[in-house]
Protein backbone atom coordinates (compact mmCIF):
# COMPACT_ATOMS: atom_id res chain seq x y z
CA MET A 1 -14.44 36.60 -21.35
CA GLU A 2 -13.25 40.05 -20.21
CA LYS A 3 -16.32 40.44 -18.01
CA PHE A 4 -15.67 36.98 -16.55
CA GLY A 5 -12.06 37.98 -15.86
CA ARG A 6 -13.07 41.17 -14.07
CA ASN A 7 -15.57 39.25 -11.93
CA SER A 8 -12.95 36.67 -11.03
CA ARG A 9 -10.43 39.31 -10.01
CA LEU A 10 -13.09 41.07 -7.96
CA LEU A 11 -13.93 37.77 -6.27
CA GLY A 12 -10.27 37.28 -5.45
CA LEU A 13 -9.94 40.78 -3.99
CA VAL A 14 -13.02 40.26 -1.84
CA ALA A 15 -11.61 36.97 -0.55
CA ILE A 16 -8.29 38.64 0.28
CA ALA A 17 -10.08 41.43 2.13
CA LEU A 18 -12.09 38.90 4.15
CA LEU A 19 -9.00 36.95 5.07
CA LEU A 20 -7.06 40.05 6.05
CA SER A 21 -9.97 41.27 8.16
CA GLY A 22 -10.08 37.91 9.90
CA SER A 23 -13.77 37.36 9.15
CA VAL A 24 -13.21 34.11 7.27
CA ALA A 25 -10.48 32.78 9.52
CA SER A 26 -12.18 33.67 12.77
CA THR A 27 -15.71 32.59 11.82
CA HIS A 28 -14.75 29.37 10.00
CA PRO A 29 -11.09 28.61 10.77
CA TRP A 30 -11.40 25.15 9.19
CA ARG A 31 -12.58 26.56 5.87
CA ALA A 32 -9.12 27.63 4.69
CA GLU A 33 -7.93 24.07 5.35
CA TRP A 34 -9.33 20.70 4.30
CA SER A 35 -9.68 18.60 7.43
CA THR A 36 -12.03 15.87 6.23
CA TRP A 37 -13.02 13.94 3.08
CA GLN A 38 -16.24 15.91 2.70
CA GLY A 39 -14.55 19.32 2.86
CA ASP A 40 -17.00 20.30 5.59
CA LYS A 41 -19.77 18.65 7.60
CA ALA A 42 -22.35 19.41 4.90
CA GLY A 43 -20.35 17.57 2.24
CA SER A 44 -19.79 20.55 -0.05
CA ARG A 45 -16.28 19.54 -1.19
CA HIS A 46 -15.79 23.28 -1.65
CA ASN A 47 -13.15 25.59 -0.18
CA PRO A 48 -14.64 29.11 -0.18
CA ALA A 49 -11.47 30.63 1.31
CA GLU A 50 -9.24 29.75 -1.65
CA TYR A 51 -8.41 32.99 -3.48
CA ARG A 52 -4.97 32.37 -4.98
CA ILE A 53 -6.22 29.76 -7.43
CA ASN A 54 -9.04 31.28 -9.43
CA PRO A 55 -10.26 31.27 -13.06
CA VAL A 56 -7.49 33.72 -14.04
CA THR A 57 -4.60 31.91 -12.35
CA ALA A 58 -5.65 28.25 -12.59
CA GLY A 59 -3.99 27.89 -15.98
CA LYS A 60 -0.62 28.55 -14.35
CA LEU A 61 -0.70 25.62 -11.93
CA GLU A 62 2.55 23.66 -11.87
CA LEU A 63 3.81 20.57 -10.07
CA LYS A 64 5.42 21.45 -6.71
CA TRP A 65 6.21 17.97 -5.40
CA ALA A 66 5.39 14.30 -5.75
CA PHE A 67 5.31 11.56 -3.12
CA GLY A 68 5.99 8.10 -4.56
CA TYR A 69 4.54 4.85 -3.25
CA PRO A 70 6.23 1.43 -3.39
CA LYS A 71 4.93 -1.01 -5.99
CA THR A 72 1.81 -2.74 -4.61
CA GLN A 73 -1.27 -4.41 -6.04
CA GLY A 74 -3.69 -1.72 -4.97
CA PRO A 75 -4.10 1.91 -6.05
CA PRO A 76 -3.93 4.92 -3.70
CA LYS A 77 -7.30 5.55 -2.07
CA SER A 78 -6.54 7.89 0.84
CA GLN A 79 -7.40 11.47 -0.12
CA PRO A 80 -5.18 13.71 2.04
CA ALA A 81 -6.36 16.02 4.80
CA LEU A 82 -4.63 19.43 4.98
CA VAL A 83 -4.39 20.98 8.45
CA ASP A 84 -1.84 23.24 10.15
CA GLY A 85 0.51 23.22 7.17
CA LYS A 86 0.67 19.43 6.96
CA ALA A 87 -0.79 16.78 4.65
CA TYR A 88 -2.08 13.56 6.24
CA PHE A 89 -2.70 10.47 4.10
CA GLY A 90 -2.43 6.70 3.89
CA SER A 91 -0.27 4.74 1.48
CA PRO A 92 -1.09 1.53 -0.45
CA ASP A 93 1.82 -0.15 1.34
CA GLY A 94 0.23 0.01 4.78
CA LYS A 95 1.86 3.19 6.08
CA PHE A 96 0.26 6.46 7.16
CA TYR A 97 2.14 9.73 6.65
CA ALA A 98 2.22 13.33 7.79
CA THR A 99 4.21 15.56 5.44
CA ASP A 100 4.92 19.25 5.06
CA ALA A 101 2.12 20.57 2.86
CA LYS A 102 4.36 22.89 0.85
CA THR A 103 7.36 20.61 0.33
CA GLY A 104 6.16 17.04 0.87
CA VAL A 105 8.95 16.37 3.37
CA THR A 106 7.90 13.62 5.79
CA LYS A 107 7.20 14.71 9.38
CA TRP A 108 6.20 11.33 10.78
CA THR A 109 5.19 7.84 9.67
CA PHE A 110 2.87 5.30 11.28
CA ASP A 111 2.93 1.60 10.35
CA LEU A 112 -0.55 0.02 10.52
CA ALA A 113 1.04 -3.42 11.00
CA SER A 114 2.08 -2.29 14.49
CA VAL A 115 -1.58 -2.68 15.50
CA GLY A 116 -3.46 -5.95 15.35
CA GLY A 117 -0.53 -8.14 14.37
CA GLY A 118 -0.83 -8.14 10.61
CA PRO A 119 -0.68 -6.11 7.41
CA ALA A 120 -3.33 -3.50 6.74
CA VAL A 121 -4.03 -0.76 4.21
CA VAL A 122 -5.83 2.56 4.53
CA LEU A 123 -8.76 2.61 2.10
CA ASP A 124 -10.40 5.78 3.37
CA SER A 125 -9.34 9.36 4.00
CA PRO A 126 -8.48 10.84 7.39
CA THR A 127 -10.23 13.53 9.33
CA VAL A 128 -8.27 15.81 11.65
CA ALA A 129 -9.95 17.23 14.74
CA ARG A 130 -8.92 18.36 18.22
CA GLY A 131 -5.31 17.30 17.87
CA LYS A 132 -6.01 13.83 16.50
CA VAL A 133 -6.02 12.14 13.10
CA TYR A 134 -8.80 9.58 12.55
CA PHE A 135 -9.07 6.93 9.83
CA GLY A 136 -10.02 3.29 9.23
CA ASP A 137 -8.39 0.35 7.44
CA ASP A 138 -9.21 -2.73 5.39
CA ARG A 139 -9.49 -4.94 8.50
CA GLY A 140 -12.22 -2.97 10.27
CA TYR A 141 -9.84 -1.13 12.62
CA VAL A 142 -10.31 2.56 13.45
CA TYR A 143 -7.35 4.70 14.57
CA ALA A 144 -6.86 7.93 16.47
CA LEU A 145 -3.28 9.19 16.15
CA ASP A 146 -1.71 12.15 17.88
CA GLN A 147 -1.65 14.85 15.22
CA ARG A 148 1.76 16.14 16.29
CA THR A 149 3.67 12.87 16.72
CA GLY A 150 1.73 10.14 14.92
CA LYS A 151 1.62 8.03 18.08
CA PRO A 152 -1.60 6.01 18.61
CA VAL A 153 -4.05 7.49 21.10
CA TRP A 154 -6.36 4.54 20.53
CA ALA A 155 -6.87 1.90 17.84
CA LYS A 156 -9.78 -0.54 17.90
CA ASP A 157 -11.27 -3.30 15.77
CA PHE A 158 -14.93 -2.36 15.39
CA ASP A 159 -15.99 -5.24 13.16
CA GLU A 160 -16.34 -8.92 13.99
CA HIS A 161 -16.85 -9.96 10.37
CA PRO A 162 -13.58 -11.15 8.79
CA THR A 163 -14.17 -9.27 5.52
CA ALA A 164 -15.19 -5.92 7.07
CA ARG A 165 -13.37 -2.80 5.92
CA HIS A 166 -13.60 0.97 6.04
CA THR A 167 -13.88 2.68 2.68
CA SER A 168 -16.10 5.27 4.35
CA SER A 169 -14.15 8.23 5.70
CA PRO A 170 -14.78 9.43 9.26
CA LEU A 171 -16.56 12.68 10.06
CA TYR A 172 -16.05 14.52 13.35
CA HIS A 173 -19.02 16.21 15.01
CA ASP A 174 -19.66 17.25 18.61
CA GLY A 175 -17.18 14.88 20.24
CA ARG A 176 -17.95 11.88 18.05
CA ILE A 177 -16.64 10.21 14.93
CA TYR A 178 -19.24 8.94 12.43
CA LEU A 179 -17.99 6.16 10.18
CA GLY A 180 -19.55 3.54 7.89
CA SER A 181 -18.47 -0.07 7.37
CA SER A 182 -18.42 -2.00 4.12
CA SER A 183 -17.07 -5.41 3.21
CA GLY A 184 -15.03 -7.41 0.75
CA GLU A 185 -17.40 -10.37 1.10
CA ASN A 186 -19.14 -9.63 -2.18
CA ASP A 187 -15.76 -9.74 -3.96
CA SER A 188 -15.61 -13.52 -3.58
CA THR A 189 -16.10 -15.51 -6.80
CA ASP A 190 -15.89 -18.86 -5.00
CA LYS A 191 -19.09 -20.83 -5.65
CA ASN A 192 -18.41 -22.86 -2.51
CA TYR A 193 -18.49 -19.79 -0.28
CA PRO A 194 -21.55 -19.74 2.05
CA CYS A 195 -22.67 -16.29 0.94
CA CYS A 196 -23.41 -14.00 2.69
CA THR A 197 -23.32 -12.81 6.29
CA PHE A 198 -22.07 -9.21 6.35
CA ARG A 199 -24.36 -6.43 7.58
CA GLY A 200 -23.51 -2.87 6.65
CA HIS A 201 -23.60 -0.33 9.45
CA LEU A 202 -22.85 3.21 10.55
CA ASP A 203 -21.09 3.74 13.89
CA ALA A 204 -20.96 6.74 16.19
CA ILE A 205 -17.70 6.59 18.19
CA ASP A 206 -16.51 8.69 21.11
CA ALA A 207 -13.60 10.62 19.62
CA GLU A 208 -11.63 10.73 22.88
CA THR A 209 -11.97 7.15 24.09
CA GLY A 210 -12.86 5.11 21.02
CA GLU A 211 -15.95 3.71 22.75
CA ARG A 212 -18.93 3.10 20.48
CA ALA A 213 -21.93 5.30 21.26
CA TRP A 214 -24.36 3.61 18.87
CA ARG A 215 -24.55 1.46 15.74
CA PHE A 216 -27.18 1.43 13.00
CA TYR A 217 -27.38 -1.78 10.95
CA THR A 218 -28.61 -1.53 7.38
CA MET A 219 -29.58 -5.23 7.36
CA PRO A 220 -31.47 -7.61 9.62
CA GLU A 221 -29.31 -10.47 10.83
CA PRO A 222 -28.78 -12.92 7.92
CA LYS A 223 -30.35 -16.36 8.39
CA PRO A 224 -29.70 -19.72 6.68
CA ASN A 225 -32.15 -20.24 3.81
CA GLY A 226 -31.37 -23.39 1.87
CA SER A 227 -28.20 -23.81 -0.10
CA TRP A 228 -26.44 -22.63 -3.23
CA PRO A 229 -26.07 -25.02 -6.21
CA SER A 230 -22.61 -25.96 -4.88
CA GLY A 231 -24.18 -27.17 -1.65
CA ALA A 232 -22.82 -24.23 0.37
CA THR A 233 -25.26 -22.74 2.86
CA ARG A 234 -27.18 -19.72 1.62
CA TYR A 235 -27.50 -16.86 4.12
CA GLU A 236 -29.78 -13.90 3.46
CA PRO A 237 -30.42 -11.04 3.33
CA ALA A 238 -26.94 -9.59 3.52
CA GLY A 239 -24.96 -6.59 2.30
CA GLY A 240 -26.00 -2.96 2.45
CA GLY A 241 -22.40 -1.89 2.98
CA VAL A 242 -21.76 1.75 3.85
CA TRP A 243 -18.74 2.49 1.68
CA SER A 244 -19.45 6.19 1.24
CA SER A 245 -18.89 8.92 3.82
CA PRO A 246 -21.56 10.55 6.01
CA VAL A 247 -22.53 14.22 6.30
CA ILE A 248 -24.30 16.09 9.10
CA ASP A 249 -26.81 18.93 9.18
CA GLU A 250 -25.70 20.84 12.27
CA ARG A 251 -29.00 22.74 12.45
CA THR A 252 -31.01 19.59 13.06
CA ASN A 253 -28.26 17.22 14.28
CA THR A 254 -29.12 14.79 11.48
CA VAL A 255 -26.57 12.48 9.86
CA TYR A 256 -27.12 11.41 6.24
CA VAL A 257 -25.40 8.47 4.55
CA GLY A 258 -25.90 6.22 1.52
CA THR A 259 -25.95 2.42 1.45
CA GLY A 260 -24.96 -0.35 -0.95
CA GLN A 261 -26.74 -3.26 -2.62
CA ASN A 262 -27.74 -6.65 -1.23
CA TYR A 263 -25.11 -9.40 -1.52
CA SER A 264 -27.72 -12.14 -1.11
CA GLY A 265 -31.49 -12.19 -0.74
CA SER A 266 -33.48 -8.99 -0.85
CA GLY A 267 -34.25 -6.84 2.15
CA GLY A 268 -33.02 -4.28 4.59
CA ASP A 269 -32.01 -0.73 3.78
CA PHE A 270 -30.11 -1.45 0.57
CA ASP A 271 -29.59 1.31 -2.04
CA SER A 272 -30.93 3.88 0.40
CA LEU A 273 -30.28 7.35 1.72
CA LEU A 274 -30.62 7.28 5.50
CA ALA A 275 -31.41 10.25 7.75
CA LEU A 276 -30.49 9.38 11.34
CA ASP A 277 -30.52 11.23 14.65
CA ALA A 278 -26.83 12.00 15.26
CA ARG A 279 -27.29 11.67 19.02
CA THR A 280 -29.12 8.33 19.16
CA GLY A 281 -28.91 6.71 15.72
CA GLY A 282 -32.69 6.69 15.49
CA VAL A 283 -34.27 6.83 12.02
CA ARG A 284 -35.75 10.17 11.01
CA TRP A 285 -36.49 9.02 7.47
CA LYS A 286 -35.06 6.82 4.74
CA GLN A 287 -35.44 6.72 0.98
CA GLN A 288 -34.80 3.54 -0.98
CA VAL A 289 -33.97 4.44 -4.58
CA THR A 290 -33.88 0.94 -6.14
CA ARG A 291 -36.59 -1.70 -5.76
CA SER A 292 -34.31 -4.71 -6.13
CA ASP A 293 -30.53 -4.94 -6.38
CA THR A 294 -28.74 -8.16 -5.42
CA TRP A 295 -25.21 -8.31 -6.80
CA ARG A 296 -21.79 -9.73 -6.01
CA ALA A 297 -18.63 -10.21 -8.06
CA LEU A 298 -19.62 -13.77 -8.91
CA CYS A 299 -22.39 -12.30 -11.06
CA ILE A 300 -19.89 -11.17 -13.71
CA LYS A 301 -18.69 -14.73 -14.29
CA PRO A 302 -20.40 -17.11 -16.77
CA ASP A 303 -22.85 -19.82 -15.68
CA THR A 304 -23.83 -18.23 -12.38
CA ASP A 305 -27.62 -18.07 -12.78
CA GLY A 306 -28.19 -20.19 -9.70
CA TYR A 307 -25.98 -17.89 -7.67
CA CYS A 308 -27.24 -14.61 -9.10
CA PRO A 309 -30.99 -14.92 -9.65
CA GLY A 310 -31.13 -11.29 -10.71
CA LEU A 311 -29.32 -12.11 -13.94
CA LYS A 312 -32.55 -13.58 -15.32
CA ASP A 313 -34.97 -10.92 -14.12
CA GLY A 314 -32.64 -7.94 -14.60
CA THR A 315 -32.17 -7.05 -10.95
CA ALA A 316 -28.45 -7.90 -10.64
CA LEU A 317 -27.56 -4.25 -11.04
CA ASP A 318 -24.94 -3.01 -8.55
CA TYR A 319 -26.75 0.36 -8.53
CA ASP A 320 -25.94 1.16 -4.94
CA ILE A 321 -25.30 4.61 -3.51
CA GLY A 322 -21.54 4.94 -3.25
CA ALA A 323 -21.42 8.72 -3.30
CA THR A 324 -21.43 11.08 -0.33
CA PRO A 325 -24.46 13.41 0.08
CA ASN A 326 -24.50 17.19 -0.33
CA ILE A 327 -26.57 19.34 2.06
CA PHE A 328 -27.63 22.73 0.66
CA ARG A 329 -30.31 25.39 1.03
CA VAL A 330 -32.50 26.82 -1.72
CA ASN A 331 -35.00 29.59 -1.00
CA GLY A 332 -34.86 28.86 2.72
CA ARG A 333 -35.44 25.12 2.27
CA THR A 334 -32.75 22.64 3.30
CA MET A 335 -32.24 19.80 0.85
CA VAL A 336 -29.94 16.81 0.63
CA GLY A 337 -28.76 15.47 -2.71
CA ILE A 338 -26.87 12.33 -3.64
CA GLY A 339 -25.66 10.60 -6.79
CA GLN A 340 -26.33 6.95 -7.60
CA LYS A 341 -24.38 4.47 -9.71
CA ASN A 342 -27.24 4.26 -12.22
CA GLY A 343 -26.50 7.85 -13.28
CA VAL A 344 -29.28 9.58 -11.32
CA TYR A 345 -28.73 12.51 -8.95
CA HIS A 346 -31.52 12.54 -6.33
CA VAL A 347 -32.59 15.50 -4.18
CA PHE A 348 -34.82 15.19 -1.11
CA ASP A 349 -36.26 17.54 1.47
CA ALA A 350 -33.75 17.24 4.32
CA LYS A 351 -36.45 17.34 7.00
CA THR A 352 -39.08 14.99 5.56
CA GLY A 353 -37.33 12.90 2.91
CA GLU A 354 -39.83 14.05 0.29
CA VAL A 355 -38.49 13.85 -3.28
CA VAL A 356 -37.78 17.36 -4.61
CA TRP A 357 -36.26 16.45 -7.98
CA ARG A 358 -34.24 13.81 -9.81
CA ARG A 359 -31.96 14.15 -12.83
CA GLN A 360 -30.70 11.30 -15.04
CA LEU A 361 -27.16 12.29 -16.02
CA SER A 362 -25.96 9.10 -17.69
CA GLU A 363 -27.59 5.93 -18.91
CA PRO A 364 -27.00 2.69 -17.03
CA GLY A 365 -24.52 0.40 -18.73
CA HIS A 366 -20.95 -0.90 -18.81
CA GLY A 367 -21.77 -3.53 -16.17
CA ALA A 368 -21.39 -3.53 -12.39
CA GLY A 369 -22.87 -0.07 -11.99
CA VAL A 370 -19.93 2.02 -13.19
CA SER A 371 -21.76 4.33 -15.58
CA GLY A 372 -23.14 6.71 -12.99
CA VAL A 373 -22.01 8.86 -10.07
CA GLN A 374 -19.29 6.96 -8.27
CA TRP A 375 -17.87 8.87 -5.29
CA GLY A 376 -19.17 12.37 -4.72
CA SER A 377 -20.20 15.81 -5.93
CA SER A 378 -19.58 19.42 -4.96
CA TYR A 379 -21.71 22.45 -4.09
CA ASP A 380 -20.25 25.96 -4.19
CA GLY A 381 -23.29 27.91 -2.96
CA GLU A 382 -24.57 28.48 -6.49
CA LYS A 383 -24.44 25.21 -8.42
CA LEU A 384 -24.04 21.48 -7.91
CA TYR A 385 -21.17 19.84 -9.80
CA VAL A 386 -21.58 16.15 -10.60
CA ALA A 387 -19.41 13.87 -12.76
CA SER A 388 -20.38 10.58 -14.39
CA TYR A 389 -17.88 7.73 -14.41
CA TYR A 390 -18.33 5.63 -17.58
CA GLY A 391 -21.04 7.76 -19.11
CA ASN A 392 -20.32 7.24 -22.83
CA PRO A 393 -18.38 9.45 -22.36
CA GLY A 394 -18.00 10.41 -18.72
CA THR A 395 -19.21 14.00 -18.35
CA LEU A 396 -18.92 16.83 -15.83
CA PHE A 397 -22.23 18.60 -15.13
CA ALA A 398 -23.22 21.84 -13.44
CA LEU A 399 -26.78 21.68 -12.10
CA ASP A 400 -29.25 24.21 -10.76
CA PRO A 401 -29.78 23.13 -7.13
CA ALA A 402 -33.39 24.32 -7.18
CA ASN A 403 -34.64 22.04 -9.95
CA GLY A 404 -31.76 20.04 -11.46
CA ASP A 405 -31.64 21.96 -14.72
CA ILE A 406 -28.30 21.46 -16.47
CA LYS A 407 -26.42 24.76 -16.58
CA TRP A 408 -23.56 23.30 -18.60
CA GLN A 409 -22.01 19.93 -19.33
CA THR A 410 -18.47 19.13 -20.46
CA PRO A 411 -17.66 15.63 -21.71
CA SER A 412 -14.27 14.10 -20.98
CA PRO A 413 -12.22 15.66 -23.82
CA ALA A 414 -12.28 13.57 -27.01
CA ASN A 415 -8.51 13.92 -27.48
CA GLY A 416 -7.70 12.73 -23.95
CA CYS A 417 -6.50 9.31 -25.10
CA SER A 418 -4.44 10.59 -28.02
CA TRP A 419 -1.83 12.66 -26.18
CA GLY A 420 0.35 12.25 -23.12
CA GLY A 421 1.16 8.92 -21.55
CA ALA A 422 -2.27 7.47 -22.33
CA ALA A 423 -1.60 7.69 -26.08
CA ALA A 424 0.68 4.65 -25.84
CA HIS A 425 -2.13 2.58 -24.31
CA PRO A 426 -5.28 2.92 -26.44
CA ASP A 427 -6.44 -0.47 -25.13
CA ILE A 428 -6.46 0.89 -21.56
CA CYS A 429 -7.47 4.53 -21.89
CA THR A 430 -11.16 5.34 -21.42
CA PHE A 431 -13.31 8.46 -21.16
CA ALA A 432 -14.50 8.30 -17.57
CA HIS A 433 -14.35 10.19 -14.25
CA ALA A 434 -13.71 8.16 -11.09
CA PRO A 435 -12.85 10.94 -8.59
CA ALA A 436 -15.27 12.98 -6.55
CA VAL A 437 -15.67 16.56 -7.80
CA THR A 438 -14.03 19.44 -5.89
CA THR A 439 -14.50 23.20 -6.18
CA SER A 440 -13.09 26.51 -5.04
CA PRO A 441 -14.49 29.92 -6.04
CA GLY A 442 -14.81 29.95 -9.83
CA VAL A 443 -12.94 26.66 -10.39
CA VAL A 444 -14.00 23.00 -10.63
CA TYR A 445 -11.43 20.19 -10.28
CA GLU A 446 -11.86 16.71 -11.73
CA GLY A 447 -9.60 13.91 -12.95
CA ALA A 448 -10.18 11.25 -15.57
CA ASN A 449 -9.20 7.75 -16.62
CA ASP A 450 -7.09 9.22 -19.43
CA GLY A 451 -4.65 10.27 -16.72
CA LYS A 452 -5.40 13.98 -17.05
CA PHE A 453 -6.09 16.18 -14.06
CA ARG A 454 -8.16 19.20 -15.10
CA ALA A 455 -9.43 22.51 -13.78
CA TYR A 456 -12.67 23.83 -15.30
CA SER A 457 -14.45 27.18 -15.26
CA ALA A 458 -17.32 27.00 -12.78
CA GLN A 459 -19.20 29.51 -14.95
CA THR A 460 -18.89 27.87 -18.37
CA GLY A 461 -17.39 24.39 -17.97
CA GLN A 462 -14.44 25.36 -20.15
CA VAL A 463 -11.18 23.55 -19.44
CA LEU A 464 -8.84 26.10 -17.87
CA TRP A 465 -5.87 23.78 -17.29
CA GLU A 466 -4.92 20.14 -17.70
CA TYR A 467 -1.93 18.08 -16.64
CA ASP A 468 -0.92 14.61 -17.82
CA THR A 469 -0.06 12.31 -14.91
CA VAL A 470 0.73 9.11 -16.88
CA ARG A 471 4.48 9.38 -16.35
CA ASP A 472 7.22 8.75 -13.80
CA PHE A 473 7.70 11.18 -10.92
CA ALA A 474 10.74 11.47 -8.66
CA GLY A 475 9.24 11.43 -5.18
CA VAL A 476 10.52 13.80 -2.51
CA ASN A 477 10.59 10.70 -0.27
CA GLY A 478 13.13 9.00 -2.55
CA VAL A 479 10.57 6.67 -4.17
CA THR A 480 9.74 6.95 -7.88
CA GLY A 481 6.02 6.94 -8.52
CA HIS A 482 4.03 6.56 -11.71
CA GLY A 483 0.72 8.26 -12.37
CA GLY A 484 -2.25 6.97 -14.30
CA ALA A 485 -6.01 7.23 -14.02
CA LEU A 486 -6.90 9.82 -11.38
CA ALA A 487 -7.90 8.08 -8.19
CA GLY A 488 -11.44 7.42 -7.07
CA SER A 489 -12.28 6.98 -3.38
CA GLY A 490 -11.73 10.73 -3.14
CA GLY A 491 -10.79 13.65 -5.35
CA ALA A 492 -8.74 16.81 -5.41
CA VAL A 493 -8.07 18.73 -2.21
CA VAL A 494 -7.64 22.51 -2.37
CA SER A 495 -5.95 24.33 0.49
CA ASP A 496 -3.81 27.44 0.92
CA GLY A 497 -2.96 27.97 -2.75
CA MET A 498 -2.22 24.27 -3.39
CA VAL A 499 -4.09 21.37 -5.02
CA TYR A 500 -3.41 17.73 -4.09
CA VAL A 501 -4.52 14.62 -5.94
CA GLN A 502 -3.76 10.88 -5.97
CA SER A 503 -2.91 9.24 -9.32
CA GLY A 504 -2.69 5.60 -10.34
CA TYR A 505 -6.25 4.22 -10.10
CA TRP A 506 -8.03 1.64 -12.27
CA PRO A 507 -7.56 1.11 -15.18
CA MET A 508 -3.91 0.64 -14.26
CA TYR A 509 -1.35 1.86 -16.78
CA PRO A 510 1.69 -0.47 -16.86
CA SER A 511 4.76 0.61 -14.93
CA GLU A 512 7.55 -0.91 -12.89
CA HIS A 513 6.89 1.72 -10.23
CA GLY A 514 4.14 2.31 -7.69
CA THR A 515 1.60 5.12 -7.76
CA VAL A 516 1.90 8.72 -6.61
CA LEU A 517 0.46 11.68 -4.70
CA LEU A 518 0.88 14.96 -6.60
CA ALA A 519 0.84 18.51 -5.23
CA PHE A 520 0.32 21.55 -7.48
CA GLY A 521 0.65 25.28 -6.85
CA LEU A 522 1.15 28.58 -8.59
CA PRO A 523 4.56 29.94 -9.66
CA ARG A 524 6.38 32.04 -7.11
CA ARG A 525 6.15 35.73 -7.77
């Protein structure tokens, strides 16, 4: 432990020296901040410039401020972006905020209902680039707001389908925004619905004008093919939603993104990792990781065999790729890895798509593909950090990027449901990890369904710090929020000695209040 402490302090001193010399700030000015869901274009979800929070100091983290949300039906899903001393994030009530990063005081607010003539909610996380804040909503709109004022520069509806939505978070690269589209069509449990017509796609959008440069569809156009038992027209194939966020290899100008399952029929690029030319949208390679996977919410209801043929043959799986890829180099070879909802982490040669290795981290189960890797993983230059959702129990893993060997694994703590706010709700509390994993030098951040937000040692997997969020919080905005399961759709954000996380995800702990964004930092000296 003493050797580990000395190494951590040395790491911190080196980081300070680099920052003071300007080598970190001048070479990678964005690295000290967190301007996009992925952390960087390669999807590392790692902040190498963070030196204040380290394995020695992480145990001293304390709550600095909370931002409460009004009571709504949905949980918070908009992981904040941290740029120029401000936090940018969407609220479950249809507002988008810019706040002071250190105090949480609101700088400006944008109401999504002012565009398109109706209510809307931000389901993705923003990216901040060249003076603008970009994000999508649950109607298929994409926004570019002035970073300083919050005024719209442009806002456009990019999807004709009535159920289209953006759970994918935008990524800025070379004058364009890259953003996937998913859909709520598969949420329908109406047997009379003429399922299904949505086609997943990835768009490249001019960041200045909002004009679409190209679109890649994951599905051929759905065609009528008979009818469902109810008599409703059957359309197929459909689905392949892109509800995860893309990454880009700047060396080769290749964009990588994962796709979802079929909603009806079987075909197209479902359950696939796509490698596309960032300039044209042309396919460089694609890897389909499931042979058959046709699923929609109706499949979890009884007596739906005629609507979900896969229930009989075992192919109604919901094993899509919902996680964001990680690009990394090992021994001079560039690889791209991605987690799947069946519990497998896949690694491919980034140039050819050849399989390099695969590692099964959790066994499929629990229904609807929630046992595996849900949102995303992290790479700190030495190890990959991957968490399983419902993994019996959900577990945080550190993997060797060269071959997938498990360096350490830490299950969701067995006492997590017996203390804190979760202890009063044993029927709700579960041992699972919904959020994407985040890292800074020496520290891994992950939240759990037991309502605990934790920091782990990157070297050993030991829990360095934990904080119970299942409680009421007085928001700096005058709204009381209530925490719960740590939010999926994103994860922790680490920037400038602070850590930010959304709390109040499924399973929902009962409260008369809405959910909450929490900001942590170290005690003042």
